[in-house]
Amino acid sequence: MTEITEEKARIGAPSQPFINGFTEEGENLSPINTSESKAPLAGEAVKAHSHGGGVGIPDSSRAGRLTSYKLADFAPLTGMEEDWRFTPLKRLRGLHSDVLKGTAPAVDITAPEGIIVETVGRDDARIGSAAIPEDRVSANAWENFSEATVITVPEEHQATGEIMVSIEGSGLEASAQHFVIIAKRFSKAVVVLDHRGTAVVAENVEILVEDGAQLTVISLQEWTDDSVHASSQQAKLSRDAKFKHIVVSLGGDLVRLTPSARFSGPGAEAELFGLYYADAGQHLEQRLFVDHAVPNCKSNVLYKGALQGRNAHAVWVGDVLIRKEAEGTDTYEANRNLVLTDGARADSVPNLEIETGLIAGAGHASATGRFDDEHLFYLMARGIPEKVARRLVVRGFLNEIISQIKVPALEERLTEAVERELAASEN
C-alpha cells in the first residue's frame, strides 16, 4: 500500500483568507498553510509510503532515480517534469540546453596551513568519487567543465581557520564549474564557497566526508541581480562522519541549488540548513535530498526564507528517503517562510519516503505566512515603532540559521545583508 499526498504553501492575492493561524515561538508566523507529520516509531507496523509532491507521477520516488555522467541520457526539459515544474526554464539562459563554453567564474582560495588545494584536469581519479549528476543541468556542467578545483583536508588534520573559496563571476556567457572537497579520516574543517559577481553558471560540488571526519560547507550566493546559478552539491558520508551544510541565497535573478547527503556508513550525521531572501522578480529554489541507505544515521533539515516584492518566488522541496536497510534512522525536516509584502509566492513541499518501520523517528513540517499582527501590536504597545518591530521579527526569524555558521565575520556580513534587504522593503 502506498500513500502519497502533496503539501504545499502558497501566497497569492492579499484577499486570500488565513487558515490554521498560529504563532510559533521565535518565528511569529500566521500561516496560510501549515503541515506537520510524524512517522511511526520502531516496533510500529508500517509499509513504504511517501508524503509530499508527485501525486500520480511515476518518478515521485527518489529510489532508483536516473543518474548519469552523460547529458544524452537525460531527455530535453519541457517544464512538466516533477523536478522542474517550479523552475522557469527560459530564465536558465541555456544551462539546460546549450554547450557551456563561457569562461567559468574565477576561483581564489585562502586556506590555513596543511590544506591541499589543486587545480586538476578532467581525468583526475578523484572526480566522480562522491557524486553522479541527477539532472540535465548537472550533467551538462559535467560534460563541459575544463578543469576542477580539489580541496583536501589531510587525515587527522584539524584546520585552524576557515577555507575561504572566492568564486567571482565577470560575464553572462553560460559556463560550467567543478569542485571536489575531500575531508580525510578523522579530519575537521570549515569550507566557505563565496559566490559573487555576475555569472551564468552550472556548478557541480562533490563532497566526500570519510570515516570520523567533521566537515562544514557553507555556500553563499550574493550574485548580481542579472546572474543565473544552478548548483548540485552532493555529499557522501562514511562511517561516523559528521557533516553540516549551510546555504545562504540572497542575490541573483535565478538561483537553483540541489544539495544532497548520502549515507554510506553507519553512525553518520548530517545537518542541512538554509536561508534565502527573495526580492521582486527573483526566483530562489532549493531542492534537497537525504538518502538514508545504511543503519543508525541521523539527519536534520531546517530552511527558512523571507520574501518581498511582486513576483518574488521561493521554492523549497525536501526529499528524505529511508531505505529498507536503514534501520535505526532518526530524521526530521522543516521549512518556514515569512512573506513580507503582497505579490510574493512560496512553494514548500516536504517529502518523506519510508521503506522500513524499524526507525528511531522521522517527521517533517512546513509553514508559510505573513507577520503575526498580534505580535507586532505587542511590540508596538511597548513603544517600539512599527518599522523597527517588523525588523526585529524578521531578524529573529532568520537569525536561527545565521547563528549556525559559527564564523563571526560571515555572521556579521549576512546580518548586515539582511538589514539592507529589510530597508529596501520599507522604501
Protein backbone atom coordinates (compact mmCIF):
# COMPACT_ATOMS: atom_id res chain seq x y z
CA MET A 1 0.00 0.00 0.00
CA THR A 2 1.44 3.39 -0.97
CA GLU A 3 0.10 6.64 0.39
CA ILE A 4 1.03 9.81 -1.49
CA THR A 5 -0.12 13.25 -0.52
CA GLU A 6 1.04 16.71 -1.52
CA GLU A 7 1.76 19.51 0.92
CA LYS A 8 2.40 23.00 -0.46
CA ALA A 9 2.20 26.51 0.91
CA ARG A 10 1.47 29.39 -1.40
CA ILE A 11 0.86 33.09 -1.02
CA GLY A 12 -1.22 34.84 -3.65
CA ALA A 13 -3.58 37.82 -3.64
CA PRO A 14 -3.94 39.72 -0.36
CA SER A 15 -7.62 38.82 -0.26
CA GLN A 16 -6.84 35.15 0.46
CA PRO A 17 -8.25 34.01 3.79
CA PHE A 18 -5.99 32.87 6.62
CA ILE A 19 -6.47 29.34 7.89
CA ASN A 20 -4.77 27.33 10.59
CA GLY A 21 -3.48 30.56 12.14
CA PHE A 22 -0.93 30.13 14.89
CA THR A 23 2.12 31.73 16.39
CA GLU A 24 5.22 29.59 16.70
CA GLU A 25 7.66 30.66 19.39
CA GLY A 26 10.55 32.63 17.90
CA GLU A 27 9.04 32.68 14.41
CA ASN A 28 5.85 34.72 14.68
CA LEU A 29 4.05 33.28 11.66
CA SER A 30 0.37 33.42 10.87
CA PRO A 31 0.44 30.65 8.26
CA ILE A 32 -1.82 30.43 5.27
CA ASN A 33 -0.80 26.78 5.02
CA THR A 34 0.87 24.55 7.55
CA SER A 35 1.63 20.87 7.65
CA GLU A 36 3.34 18.56 10.05
CA SER A 37 3.77 14.81 10.03
CA LYS A 38 5.45 12.23 12.20
CA ALA A 39 6.22 8.69 11.10
CA PRO A 40 5.67 5.61 13.27
CA LEU A 41 8.50 4.70 15.62
CA ALA A 42 10.37 1.43 15.82
CA GLY A 43 8.12 -1.51 16.54
CA GLU A 44 5.04 0.03 14.96
CA ALA A 45 3.73 -1.57 11.81
CA VAL A 46 4.33 0.50 8.68
CA LYS A 47 4.60 -0.02 4.95
CA ALA A 48 6.53 2.04 2.46
CA HIS A 49 4.88 5.40 2.00
CA SER A 50 5.58 8.91 0.80
CA HIS A 51 4.36 12.30 1.94
CA GLY A 52 4.72 15.19 -0.46
CA GLY A 53 4.77 16.17 -4.11
CA GLY A 54 4.41 13.92 -7.08
CA VAL A 55 0.81 12.78 -6.99
CA GLY A 56 0.35 10.35 -9.85
CA ILE A 57 3.85 10.99 -11.19
CA PRO A 58 5.91 7.84 -11.92
CA ASP A 59 9.27 9.35 -10.84
CA SER A 60 7.96 10.66 -7.49
CA SER A 61 10.13 8.13 -5.61
CA ARG A 62 13.79 9.02 -5.15
CA ALA A 63 14.78 5.35 -5.07
CA GLY A 64 16.24 4.23 -8.38
CA ARG A 65 16.14 7.66 -10.00
CA LEU A 66 18.27 8.13 -13.12
CA THR A 67 21.87 9.24 -12.55
CA SER A 68 24.41 9.58 -15.35
CA TYR A 69 27.53 11.48 -16.36
CA LYS A 70 26.18 11.71 -19.91
CA LEU A 71 23.96 14.59 -20.97
CA ALA A 72 22.37 12.45 -23.69
CA ASP A 73 20.88 10.14 -21.06
CA PHE A 74 18.64 12.98 -19.84
CA ALA A 75 15.73 14.00 -22.05
CA PRO A 76 15.36 17.67 -23.02
CA LEU A 77 13.39 19.59 -20.42
CA THR A 78 9.79 20.66 -21.01
CA GLY A 79 8.93 22.11 -17.60
CA MET A 80 6.43 19.32 -16.97
CA GLU A 81 8.93 17.13 -15.12
CA GLU A 82 8.45 16.79 -11.37
CA ASP A 83 11.94 18.17 -10.66
CA TRP A 84 11.45 21.20 -12.92
CA ARG A 85 7.78 22.12 -12.56
CA PHE A 86 8.56 25.22 -10.46
CA THR A 87 11.62 26.37 -12.43
CA PRO A 88 11.17 28.99 -15.20
CA LEU A 89 13.27 27.25 -17.87
CA LYS A 90 13.55 30.32 -20.10
CA ARG A 91 15.41 32.09 -17.31
CA LEU A 92 18.09 29.35 -17.15
CA ARG A 93 19.74 31.02 -20.18
CA GLY A 94 20.73 27.78 -21.83
CA LEU A 95 22.25 25.98 -18.84
CA HIS A 96 19.93 23.05 -19.63
CA SER A 97 20.24 23.09 -23.41
CA ASP A 98 23.37 24.82 -24.75
CA VAL A 99 27.06 23.97 -24.84
CA LEU A 100 28.56 25.77 -21.83
CA LYS A 101 31.57 27.39 -23.47
CA GLY A 102 31.83 30.58 -21.42
CA THR A 103 34.66 31.33 -19.00
CA ALA A 104 33.87 29.96 -15.55
CA PRO A 105 33.96 32.35 -12.58
CA ALA A 106 37.45 32.97 -11.21
CA VAL A 107 38.44 30.96 -8.13
CA ASP A 108 40.71 32.29 -5.40
CA ILE A 109 41.34 30.25 -2.25
CA THR A 110 42.71 31.30 1.10
CA ALA A 111 43.43 28.24 3.22
CA PRO A 112 45.09 27.66 6.58
CA GLU A 113 48.31 25.68 6.82
CA GLY A 114 48.08 22.00 5.96
CA ILE A 115 45.19 22.21 3.49
CA ILE A 116 45.95 20.91 0.00
CA VAL A 117 44.50 22.91 -2.93
CA GLU A 118 44.91 21.70 -6.50
CA THR A 119 43.67 22.54 -9.98
CA VAL A 120 43.33 19.34 -11.99
CA GLY A 121 42.16 18.14 -15.38
CA ARG A 122 39.02 16.18 -16.15
CA ASP A 123 40.89 12.87 -15.97
CA ASP A 124 41.78 13.16 -12.29
CA ALA A 125 40.70 9.97 -10.50
CA ARG A 126 39.06 11.86 -7.64
CA ILE A 127 36.46 13.43 -9.91
CA GLY A 128 33.30 11.37 -9.61
CA SER A 129 34.24 9.85 -6.26
CA ALA A 130 31.35 11.48 -4.39
CA ALA A 131 28.68 12.37 -6.94
CA ILE A 132 26.90 11.48 -10.17
CA PRO A 133 24.65 14.01 -11.95
CA GLU A 134 20.94 13.59 -11.18
CA ASP A 135 19.53 16.08 -13.66
CA ARG A 136 20.16 17.54 -17.08
CA VAL A 137 21.80 20.78 -15.92
CA SER A 138 24.24 18.95 -13.67
CA ALA A 139 25.12 16.54 -16.50
CA ASN A 140 25.61 19.45 -18.88
CA ALA A 141 28.03 21.05 -16.44
CA TRP A 142 29.84 17.70 -16.05
CA GLU A 143 30.35 17.40 -19.80
CA ASN A 144 31.55 20.99 -20.25
CA PHE A 145 33.91 21.86 -17.38
CA SER A 146 37.58 22.04 -18.41
CA GLU A 147 39.30 21.78 -15.02
CA ALA A 148 38.34 21.18 -11.42
CA THR A 149 39.39 22.61 -8.08
CA VAL A 150 40.21 19.92 -5.49
CA ILE A 151 40.43 20.81 -1.80
CA THR A 152 41.77 18.11 0.52
CA VAL A 153 41.84 18.12 4.32
CA PRO A 154 44.53 15.54 5.24
CA GLU A 155 43.91 12.63 7.58
CA GLU A 156 43.52 13.64 11.26
CA HIS A 157 44.21 17.29 10.35
CA GLN A 158 42.20 19.94 12.17
CA ALA A 159 42.15 23.20 10.22
CA THR A 160 42.95 26.26 12.33
CA GLY A 161 40.72 28.56 10.30
CA GLU A 162 38.14 28.59 7.51
CA ILE A 163 38.99 27.57 3.95
CA MET A 164 37.70 30.58 2.01
CA VAL A 165 36.84 29.90 -1.64
CA SER A 166 36.09 33.12 -3.50
CA ILE A 167 34.13 32.49 -6.71
CA GLU A 168 33.90 35.72 -8.73
CA GLY A 169 31.88 35.91 -11.94
CA SER A 170 32.58 38.53 -14.62
CA GLY A 171 30.26 37.75 -17.53
CA LEU A 172 26.93 36.39 -18.71
CA GLU A 173 28.07 33.69 -21.15
CA ALA A 174 26.88 30.29 -19.91
CA SER A 175 29.70 28.35 -18.24
CA ALA A 176 30.45 25.21 -16.19
CA GLN A 177 32.40 24.78 -12.96
CA HIS A 178 33.52 21.83 -10.81
CA PHE A 179 34.75 21.45 -7.22
CA VAL A 180 35.79 18.41 -5.19
CA ILE A 181 36.07 18.72 -1.39
CA ILE A 182 37.60 15.79 0.49
CA ALA A 183 37.75 15.52 4.29
CA LYS A 184 40.04 12.59 5.06
CA ARG A 185 39.61 10.26 8.04
CA PHE A 186 39.21 11.99 11.41
CA SER A 187 39.90 15.45 9.99
CA LYS A 188 37.97 18.63 10.80
CA ALA A 189 37.44 21.75 8.65
CA VAL A 190 35.08 24.51 7.50
CA VAL A 191 34.86 25.39 3.79
CA VAL A 192 33.14 28.57 2.58
CA LEU A 193 32.04 28.82 -1.07
CA ASP A 194 31.52 32.56 -1.60
CA HIS A 195 29.73 33.25 -4.91
CA ARG A 196 29.79 36.88 -6.08
CA GLY A 197 29.88 38.99 -9.22
CA THR A 198 27.98 38.39 -12.46
CA ALA A 199 27.65 34.90 -13.93
CA VAL A 200 25.54 32.33 -15.73
CA VAL A 201 27.00 29.11 -14.37
CA ALA A 202 26.13 25.46 -13.84
CA GLU A 203 28.19 24.05 -10.98
CA ASN A 204 28.91 20.64 -9.51
CA VAL A 205 30.32 20.36 -5.99
CA GLU A 206 31.41 16.91 -4.83
CA ILE A 207 31.89 16.47 -1.08
CA LEU A 208 33.48 13.35 0.40
CA VAL A 209 33.46 13.02 4.21
CA GLU A 210 35.49 9.98 5.23
CA ASP A 211 35.31 7.91 8.44
CA GLY A 212 35.07 10.02 11.58
CA ALA A 213 35.66 13.32 9.75
CA GLN A 214 33.81 16.53 10.64
CA LEU A 215 33.14 18.93 7.78
CA THR A 216 31.10 22.10 7.43
CA VAL A 217 30.42 23.52 3.94
CA ILE A 218 28.84 26.98 3.69
CA SER A 219 27.58 28.09 0.26
CA LEU A 220 26.85 31.82 -0.07
CA GLN A 221 25.06 33.21 -3.13
CA GLU A 222 25.37 37.01 -3.33
CA TRP A 223 25.32 37.36 -7.11
CA THR A 224 24.35 40.49 -9.01
CA ASP A 225 20.69 40.84 -9.99
CA ASP A 226 21.20 39.50 -13.55
CA SER A 227 23.05 36.30 -12.61
CA VAL A 228 21.86 32.69 -13.01
CA HIS A 229 23.32 29.92 -10.86
CA ALA A 230 22.42 26.22 -10.79
CA SER A 231 24.47 24.17 -8.34
CA SER A 232 24.42 20.47 -7.47
CA GLN A 233 26.18 19.99 -4.13
CA GLN A 234 26.35 16.28 -3.31
CA ALA A 235 27.90 14.87 -0.15
CA LYS A 236 28.84 11.25 0.59
CA LEU A 237 29.19 10.40 4.28
CA SER A 238 31.20 7.44 5.58
CA ARG A 239 31.08 5.72 8.98
CA ASP A 240 30.65 8.11 11.95
CA ALA A 241 31.17 11.17 9.75
CA LYS A 242 29.57 14.49 10.74
CA PHE A 243 28.54 16.89 8.03
CA LYS A 244 26.94 20.33 8.22
CA HIS A 245 25.79 22.10 5.05
CA ILE A 246 24.56 25.70 5.11
CA VAL A 247 23.07 27.55 2.14
CA VAL A 248 22.52 31.32 2.09
CA SER A 249 20.92 32.72 -1.09
CA LEU A 250 20.41 36.46 -1.36
CA GLY A 251 21.41 37.62 -4.86
CA GLY A 252 20.84 36.54 -8.45
CA ASP A 253 17.97 36.52 -10.92
CA LEU A 254 17.55 32.75 -10.68
CA VAL A 255 19.40 30.56 -8.18
CA ARG A 256 18.65 26.83 -8.02
CA LEU A 257 20.55 24.66 -5.55
CA THR A 258 20.20 20.90 -5.16
CA PRO A 259 22.12 19.82 -2.03
CA SER A 260 22.17 16.15 -1.06
CA ALA A 261 23.58 13.95 1.68
CA ARG A 262 24.05 10.23 1.14
CA PHE A 263 24.98 7.89 3.96
CA SER A 264 27.43 5.13 3.02
CA GLY A 265 28.46 4.10 6.55
CA PRO A 266 26.57 3.69 9.84
CA GLY A 267 26.71 6.23 12.66
CA ALA A 268 26.98 9.28 10.40
CA GLU A 269 25.13 12.56 11.00
CA ALA A 270 24.04 15.29 8.58
CA GLU A 271 22.64 18.76 9.27
CA LEU A 272 21.34 20.84 6.36
CA PHE A 273 20.43 24.46 6.99
CA GLY A 274 19.33 27.18 4.61
CA LEU A 275 18.41 30.87 4.50
CA TYR A 276 17.01 32.70 1.49
CA TYR A 277 15.62 36.20 0.93
CA ALA A 278 13.72 36.67 -2.34
CA ASP A 279 13.10 40.15 -3.76
CA ALA A 280 10.72 41.29 -6.52
CA GLY A 281 11.06 39.10 -9.62
CA GLN A 282 13.68 36.87 -8.04
CA HIS A 283 13.47 33.05 -8.19
CA LEU A 284 15.28 31.18 -5.42
CA GLU A 285 14.89 27.40 -5.45
CA GLN A 286 16.23 24.74 -3.11
CA ARG A 287 15.71 21.01 -3.71
CA LEU A 288 17.23 18.76 -1.08
CA PHE A 289 17.75 15.02 -0.90
CA VAL A 290 18.79 12.99 2.15
CA ASP A 291 19.40 9.32 1.38
CA HIS A 292 19.36 7.03 4.41
CA ALA A 293 20.75 3.84 2.88
CA VAL A 294 22.52 2.34 5.91
CA PRO A 295 21.54 1.79 9.57
CA ASN A 296 21.73 4.15 12.55
CA CYS A 297 22.27 7.53 10.88
CA LYS A 298 20.77 10.90 11.77
CA SER A 299 19.72 13.88 9.69
CA ASN A 300 18.16 17.23 10.46
CA VAL A 301 17.00 19.78 7.86
CA LEU A 302 15.85 23.36 8.55
CA TYR A 303 15.41 26.02 5.84
CA LYS A 304 13.94 29.47 6.43
CA GLY A 305 13.06 32.11 3.88
CA ALA A 306 11.68 35.63 3.62
CA LEU A 307 10.00 37.08 0.52
CA GLN A 308 9.13 40.61 -0.53
CA GLY A 309 8.00 42.32 -3.72
CA ARG A 310 5.89 41.45 -6.72
CA ASN A 311 6.66 38.04 -8.27
CA ALA A 312 9.26 37.14 -5.67
CA HIS A 313 9.25 33.34 -5.76
CA ALA A 314 10.85 30.84 -3.38
CA VAL A 315 10.74 27.08 -3.83
CA TRP A 316 11.76 24.51 -1.25
CA VAL A 317 11.45 20.78 -1.87
CA GLY A 318 12.84 18.42 0.75
CA ASP A 319 13.14 14.72 -0.09
CA VAL A 320 14.10 12.22 2.61
CA LEU A 321 14.37 8.55 1.63
CA ILE A 322 14.68 5.87 4.32
CA ARG A 323 15.59 2.64 2.56
CA LYS A 324 14.68 -0.77 3.92
CA GLU A 325 18.29 -1.31 5.05
CA ALA A 326 18.31 1.92 7.10
CA GLU A 327 17.07 0.61 10.45
CA GLY A 328 17.54 2.95 13.40
CA THR A 329 17.23 6.11 11.27
CA ASP A 330 16.40 9.37 13.04
CA THR A 331 15.41 12.23 10.72
CA TYR A 332 13.41 15.46 10.65
CA GLU A 333 12.98 18.23 8.08
CA ALA A 334 11.24 21.60 8.25
CA ASN A 335 10.73 24.66 6.08
CA ARG A 336 9.40 28.05 7.23
CA ASN A 337 8.56 31.02 5.00
CA LEU A 338 7.72 34.58 6.01
CA VAL A 339 6.02 36.76 3.37
CA LEU A 340 6.65 40.46 3.95
CA THR A 341 4.65 42.04 1.10
CA ASP A 342 1.81 41.21 -1.27
CA GLY A 343 2.56 39.59 -4.62
CA ALA A 344 5.14 37.06 -3.40
CA ARG A 345 4.80 33.28 -3.60
CA ALA A 346 6.37 30.41 -1.67
CA ASP A 347 6.09 26.75 -2.67
CA SER A 348 7.06 24.35 0.11
CA VAL A 349 6.95 20.58 -0.47
CA PRO A 350 8.29 18.20 2.20
CA ASN A 351 8.59 14.57 1.09
CA LEU A 352 9.21 11.63 3.41
CA GLU A 353 9.56 8.17 1.85
CA ILE A 354 9.90 5.25 4.26
CA GLU A 355 10.65 1.64 3.39
CA THR A 356 11.10 0.27 6.93
CA GLY A 357 9.26 0.73 10.21
CA LEU A 358 12.33 -0.06 12.34
CA ILE A 359 13.37 3.55 12.83
CA ALA A 360 14.00 5.85 15.78
CA GLY A 361 11.88 8.63 14.31
CA ALA A 362 11.00 10.55 11.17
CA GLY A 363 8.93 13.65 10.53
CA HIS A 364 8.51 16.83 8.56
CA ALA A 365 6.87 20.25 8.84
CA SER A 366 6.13 23.22 6.61
CA ALA A 367 4.63 26.66 7.26
CA THR A 368 4.19 29.82 5.19
CA GLY A 369 2.56 33.05 6.34
CA ARG A 370 2.66 36.77 6.93
CA PHE A 371 3.52 38.75 10.05
CA ASP A 372 1.60 37.94 13.17
CA ASP A 373 -0.35 41.16 13.73
CA GLU A 374 -0.83 40.40 17.42
CA HIS A 375 2.89 40.07 17.97
CA LEU A 376 3.53 43.37 16.15
CA PHE A 377 0.89 45.02 18.31
CA TYR A 378 2.59 43.58 21.41
CA LEU A 379 5.91 45.18 20.43
CA MET A 380 4.37 48.49 19.35
CA ALA A 381 2.39 48.72 22.60
CA ARG A 382 5.73 48.83 24.37
CA GLY A 383 6.86 51.87 22.44
CA ILE A 384 8.66 50.17 19.56
CA PRO A 385 7.89 51.84 16.19
CA GLU A 386 6.24 49.60 13.60
CA LYS A 387 9.21 49.57 11.19
CA VAL A 388 11.59 48.64 13.99
CA ALA A 389 9.19 45.97 15.25
CA ARG A 390 8.97 44.40 11.81
CA ARG A 391 12.74 44.32 11.52
CA LEU A 392 13.04 42.67 14.91
CA VAL A 393 10.60 39.95 13.90
CA VAL A 394 12.38 39.16 10.62
CA ARG A 395 15.82 39.35 12.20
CA GLY A 396 14.77 36.92 14.91
CA PHE A 397 13.15 34.62 12.36
CA LEU A 398 16.30 34.32 10.23
CA ASN A 399 18.90 34.50 12.97
CA GLU A 400 18.44 30.83 13.84
CA ILE A 401 20.12 29.96 10.53
CA ILE A 402 22.78 32.68 10.64
CA SER A 403 23.84 31.54 14.10
CA GLN A 404 24.62 28.07 12.71
CA ILE A 405 27.50 29.45 10.64
CA LYS A 406 29.84 29.88 13.63
CA VAL A 407 32.13 32.21 11.66
CA PRO A 408 31.79 35.66 13.28
CA ALA A 409 32.87 37.69 10.24
CA LEU A 410 30.39 35.86 8.00
CA GLU A 411 27.58 36.10 10.54
CA GLU A 412 28.12 39.86 10.76
CA ARG A 413 28.23 40.22 6.97
CA LEU A 414 25.00 38.28 6.50
CA THR A 415 23.21 40.14 9.29
CA GLU A 416 24.11 43.39 7.52
CA ALA A 417 22.88 41.97 4.20
CA VAL A 418 19.53 41.06 5.76
CA GLU A 419 19.29 44.58 7.21
CA ARG A 420 19.79 46.02 3.70
CA GLU A 421 17.04 43.80 2.35
CA LEU A 422 14.70 44.93 5.11
CA ALA A 423 15.49 48.58 4.45
CA ALA A 424 14.62 48.07 0.78
CA SER A 425 11.21 46.64 1.73
CA GLU A 426 10.38 49.84 3.61
CA ASN A 427 11.00 52.15 0.64
